[in-house]
Amino acid sequence: MPQVTVKINGRSYTLACDDGEEEHLEGLAAYLDKHVTTLAQGVGQVGDQRLMLMAGLLVADELSEALGEVQALKDEVATLKQDRVGAATKSQDAENQVAEVLEAAARRLEDIAGRLEAS
């Protein structure tokens, strides 16, 4: 199992990860470090635990917002699918009505043609 050493707030942490996950873990650590660094600049060095907690809450807030947006998009997609089904049904109904009108017109024309031939 590979190990990756990451830096957060200037401190090194060695973490184990699955094969091939090293780069992903480093990216996640860099993302967390960005939040911790920003917080440390804003509130000062209030201790690693508190900075990690605050950064974790910020990341959790971002995730919560993103999940809310994903759900809103899923709802919108579902509505659009329903609208599309409704529109397809209306289109099919209109097509059937046009076909009925054309069939009726064709029967009348055949009747007229038959009467003209009989005359």
C-alpha atoms as a PDB file:
ATOM      1  CA  MET A   1       0.000   0.000   0.000  1.00  0.00           C
ATOM      2  CA  PRO A   2       1.584   3.287  -1.099  1.00  0.00           C
ATOM      3  CA  GLN A   3       2.107   6.167   1.275  1.00  0.00           C
ATOM      4  CA  VAL A   4       1.849   9.828   0.412  1.00  0.00           C
ATOM      5  CA  THR A   5       3.245  12.723   2.414  1.00  0.00           C
ATOM      6  CA  VAL A   6       1.141  15.868   2.179  1.00  0.00           C
ATOM      7  CA  LYS A   7       1.525  19.296   3.759  1.00  0.00           C
ATOM      8  CA  ILE A   8      -1.340  21.114   5.389  1.00  0.00           C
ATOM      9  CA  ASN A   9      -0.702  24.426   7.112  1.00  0.00           C
ATOM     10  CA  GLY A  10       3.031  23.807   6.866  1.00  0.00           C
ATOM     11  CA  ARG A  11       2.879  20.449   8.667  1.00  0.00           C
ATOM     12  CA  SER A  12       3.663  17.149   6.976  1.00  0.00           C
ATOM     13  CA  TYR A  13       1.299  14.200   7.233  1.00  0.00           C
ATOM     14  CA  THR A  14       2.029  10.728   5.873  1.00  0.00           C
ATOM     15  CA  LEU A  15      -1.053   8.875   4.687  1.00  0.00           C
ATOM     16  CA  ALA A  16      -1.624   5.449   3.175  1.00  0.00           C
ATOM     17  CA  CYS A  17      -3.788   5.046   0.109  1.00  0.00           C
ATOM     18  CA  ASP A  18      -4.718   2.492  -2.544  1.00  0.00           C
ATOM     19  CA  ASP A  19      -2.522   1.979  -5.596  1.00  0.00           C
ATOM     20  CA  GLY A  20      -3.104   4.708  -8.151  1.00  0.00           C
ATOM     21  CA  GLU A  21      -4.798   7.047  -5.677  1.00  0.00           C
ATOM     22  CA  GLU A  22      -1.668   9.004  -4.757  1.00  0.00           C
ATOM     23  CA  GLU A  23      -2.306  11.947  -7.087  1.00  0.00           C
ATOM     24  CA  HIS A  24      -5.959  12.173  -6.069  1.00  0.00           C
ATOM     25  CA  LEU A  25      -5.039  12.204  -2.371  1.00  0.00           C
ATOM     26  CA  GLU A  26      -2.435  14.899  -2.977  1.00  0.00           C
ATOM     27  CA  GLY A  27      -5.066  16.983  -4.784  1.00  0.00           C
ATOM     28  CA  LEU A  28      -7.519  16.605  -1.917  1.00  0.00           C
ATOM     29  CA  ALA A  29      -4.834  17.593   0.580  1.00  0.00           C
ATOM     30  CA  ALA A  30      -3.934  20.652  -1.493  1.00  0.00           C
ATOM     31  CA  TYR A  31      -7.608  21.648  -1.570  1.00  0.00           C
ATOM     32  CA  LEU A  32      -7.876  21.300   2.218  1.00  0.00           C
ATOM     33  CA  ASP A  33      -4.587  23.156   2.688  1.00  0.00           C
ATOM     34  CA  LYS A  34      -5.964  26.059   0.652  1.00  0.00           C
ATOM     35  CA  HIS A  35      -8.896  26.348   3.038  1.00  0.00           C
ATOM     36  CA  VAL A  36      -6.719  25.986   6.147  1.00  0.00           C
ATOM     37  CA  THR A  37      -4.263  28.598   4.860  1.00  0.00           C
ATOM     38  CA  THR A  38      -7.078  31.041   4.071  1.00  0.00           C
ATOM     39  CA  LEU A  39      -8.585  30.517   7.517  1.00  0.00           C
ATOM     40  CA  ALA A  40      -5.209  30.910   9.245  1.00  0.00           C
ATOM     41  CA  GLN A  41      -4.706  34.217   7.432  1.00  0.00           C
ATOM     42  CA  GLY A  42      -8.165  35.369   8.539  1.00  0.00           C
ATOM     43  CA  VAL A  43      -8.324  34.168  12.135  1.00  0.00           C
ATOM     44  CA  GLY A  44      -4.675  33.555  12.910  1.00  0.00           C
ATOM     45  CA  GLN A  45      -3.054  30.380  14.165  1.00  0.00           C
ATOM     46  CA  VAL A  46      -5.732  29.098  16.524  1.00  0.00           C
ATOM     47  CA  GLY A  47      -4.372  25.558  16.627  1.00  0.00           C
ATOM     48  CA  ASP A  48      -4.246  22.758  14.102  1.00  0.00           C
ATOM     49  CA  GLN A  49      -7.341  21.008  15.403  1.00  0.00           C
ATOM     50  CA  ARG A  50      -9.488  24.117  15.282  1.00  0.00           C
ATOM     51  CA  LEU A  51      -8.202  25.097  11.829  1.00  0.00           C
ATOM     52  CA  MET A  52      -8.847  21.570  10.521  1.00  0.00           C
ATOM     53  CA  LEU A  53     -12.332  21.601  12.046  1.00  0.00           C
ATOM     54  CA  MET A  54     -13.151  24.974  10.514  1.00  0.00           C
ATOM     55  CA  ALA A  55     -11.745  23.926   7.122  1.00  0.00           C
ATOM     56  CA  GLY A  56     -13.678  20.661   7.303  1.00  0.00           C
ATOM     57  CA  LEU A  57     -16.876  22.576   7.973  1.00  0.00           C
ATOM     58  CA  LEU A  58     -16.199  24.868   5.014  1.00  0.00           C
ATOM     59  CA  VAL A  59     -15.636  21.865   2.759  1.00  0.00           C
ATOM     60  CA  ALA A  60     -18.791  20.189   4.149  1.00  0.00           C
ATOM     61  CA  ASP A  61     -20.724  23.400   3.403  1.00  0.00           C
ATOM     62  CA  GLU A  62     -19.429  23.419  -0.177  1.00  0.00           C
ATOM     63  CA  LEU A  63     -20.426  19.764  -0.525  1.00  0.00           C
ATOM     64  CA  SER A  64     -23.884  20.471   0.893  1.00  0.00           C
ATOM     65  CA  GLU A  65     -24.418  23.286  -1.614  1.00  0.00           C
ATOM     66  CA  ALA A  66     -23.149  21.130  -4.473  1.00  0.00           C
ATOM     67  CA  LEU A  67     -25.450  18.259  -3.481  1.00  0.00           C
ATOM     68  CA  GLY A  68     -28.365  20.695  -3.349  1.00  0.00           C
ATOM     69  CA  GLU A  69     -27.533  21.933  -6.835  1.00  0.00           C
ATOM     70  CA  VAL A  70     -27.234  18.352  -8.106  1.00  0.00           C
ATOM     71  CA  GLN A  71     -30.670  17.523  -6.660  1.00  0.00           C
ATOM     72  CA  ALA A  72     -32.167  20.663  -8.226  1.00  0.00           C
ATOM     73  CA  LEU A  73     -30.692  19.660 -11.599  1.00  0.00           C
ATOM     74  CA  LYS A  74     -32.031  16.101 -11.215  1.00  0.00           C
ATOM     75  CA  ASP A  75     -35.475  17.527 -10.469  1.00  0.00           C
ATOM     76  CA  GLU A  76     -35.237  19.795 -13.510  1.00  0.00           C
ATOM     77  CA  VAL A  77     -34.210  16.879 -15.726  1.00  0.00           C
ATOM     78  CA  ALA A  78     -37.149  14.820 -14.425  1.00  0.00           C
ATOM     79  CA  THR A  79     -39.529  17.703 -15.179  1.00  0.00           C
ATOM     80  CA  LEU A  80     -38.089  18.118 -18.665  1.00  0.00           C
ATOM     81  CA  LYS A  81     -38.483  14.380 -19.298  1.00  0.00           C
ATOM     82  CA  GLN A  82     -42.116  14.554 -18.202  1.00  0.00           C
ATOM     83  CA  ASP A  83     -42.672  17.591 -20.409  1.00  0.00           C
ATOM     84  CA  ARG A  84     -41.073  15.769 -23.337  1.00  0.00           C
ATOM     85  CA  VAL A  85     -43.317  12.730 -22.808  1.00  0.00           C
ATOM     86  CA  GLY A  86     -46.340  15.023 -22.615  1.00  0.00           C
ATOM     87  CA  ALA A  87     -45.288  16.845 -25.767  1.00  0.00           C
ATOM     88  CA  ALA A  88     -44.710  13.542 -27.579  1.00  0.00           C
ATOM     89  CA  THR A  89     -48.166  12.343 -26.538  1.00  0.00           C
ATOM     90  CA  LYS A  90     -49.746  15.599 -27.756  1.00  0.00           C
ATOM     91  CA  SER A  91     -47.794  15.323 -30.996  1.00  0.00           C
ATOM     92  CA  GLN A  92     -48.965  11.729 -31.484  1.00  0.00           C
ATOM     93  CA  ASP A  93     -52.559  12.764 -30.763  1.00  0.00           C
ATOM     94  CA  ALA A  94     -52.334  15.593 -33.302  1.00  0.00           C
ATOM     95  CA  GLU A  95     -50.791  13.234 -35.842  1.00  0.00           C
ATOM     96  CA  ASN A  96     -53.629  10.741 -35.308  1.00  0.00           C
ATOM     97  CA  GLN A  97     -56.228  13.500 -35.757  1.00  0.00           C
ATOM     98  CA  VAL A  98     -54.579  14.644 -38.987  1.00  0.00           C
ATOM     99  CA  ALA A  99     -54.516  11.034 -40.229  1.00  0.00           C
ATOM    100  CA  GLU A 100     -58.241  10.655 -39.437  1.00  0.00           C
ATOM    101  CA  VAL A 101     -59.069  13.876 -41.270  1.00  0.00           C
ATOM    102  CA  LEU A 102     -57.010  12.765 -44.290  1.00  0.00           C
ATOM    103  CA  GLU A 103     -58.661   9.338 -44.303  1.00  0.00           C
ATOM    104  CA  ALA A 104     -62.126  10.928 -44.141  1.00  0.00           C
ATOM    105  CA  ALA A 105     -61.164  13.298 -46.952  1.00  0.00           C
ATOM    106  CA  ALA A 106     -59.856  10.387 -49.029  1.00  0.00           C
ATOM    107  CA  ARG A 107     -63.140   8.472 -48.516  1.00  0.00           C
ATOM    108  CA  ARG A 108     -65.181  11.509 -49.584  1.00  0.00           C
ATOM    109  CA  LEU A 109     -63.006  11.976 -52.659  1.00  0.00           C
ATOM    110  CA  GLU A 110     -63.434   8.307 -53.543  1.00  0.00           C
ATOM    111  CA  ASP A 111     -67.210   8.653 -53.103  1.00  0.00           C
ATOM    112  CA  ILE A 112     -67.252  11.758 -55.303  1.00  0.00           C
ATOM    113  CA  ALA A 113     -65.059  10.026 -57.896  1.00  0.00           C
ATOM    114  CA  GLY A 114     -67.375   6.994 -57.823  1.00  0.00           C
ATOM    115  CA  ARG A 115     -70.439   9.165 -58.329  1.00  0.00           C
ATOM    116  CA  LEU A 116     -68.789  11.042 -61.174  1.00  0.00           C
ATOM    117  CA  GLU A 117     -67.880   7.788 -62.913  1.00  0.00           C
ATOM    118  CA  ALA A 118     -71.439   6.540 -62.449  1.00  0.00           C
ATOM    119  CA  SER A 119     -72.836   9.700 -64.027  1.00  0.00           C
END
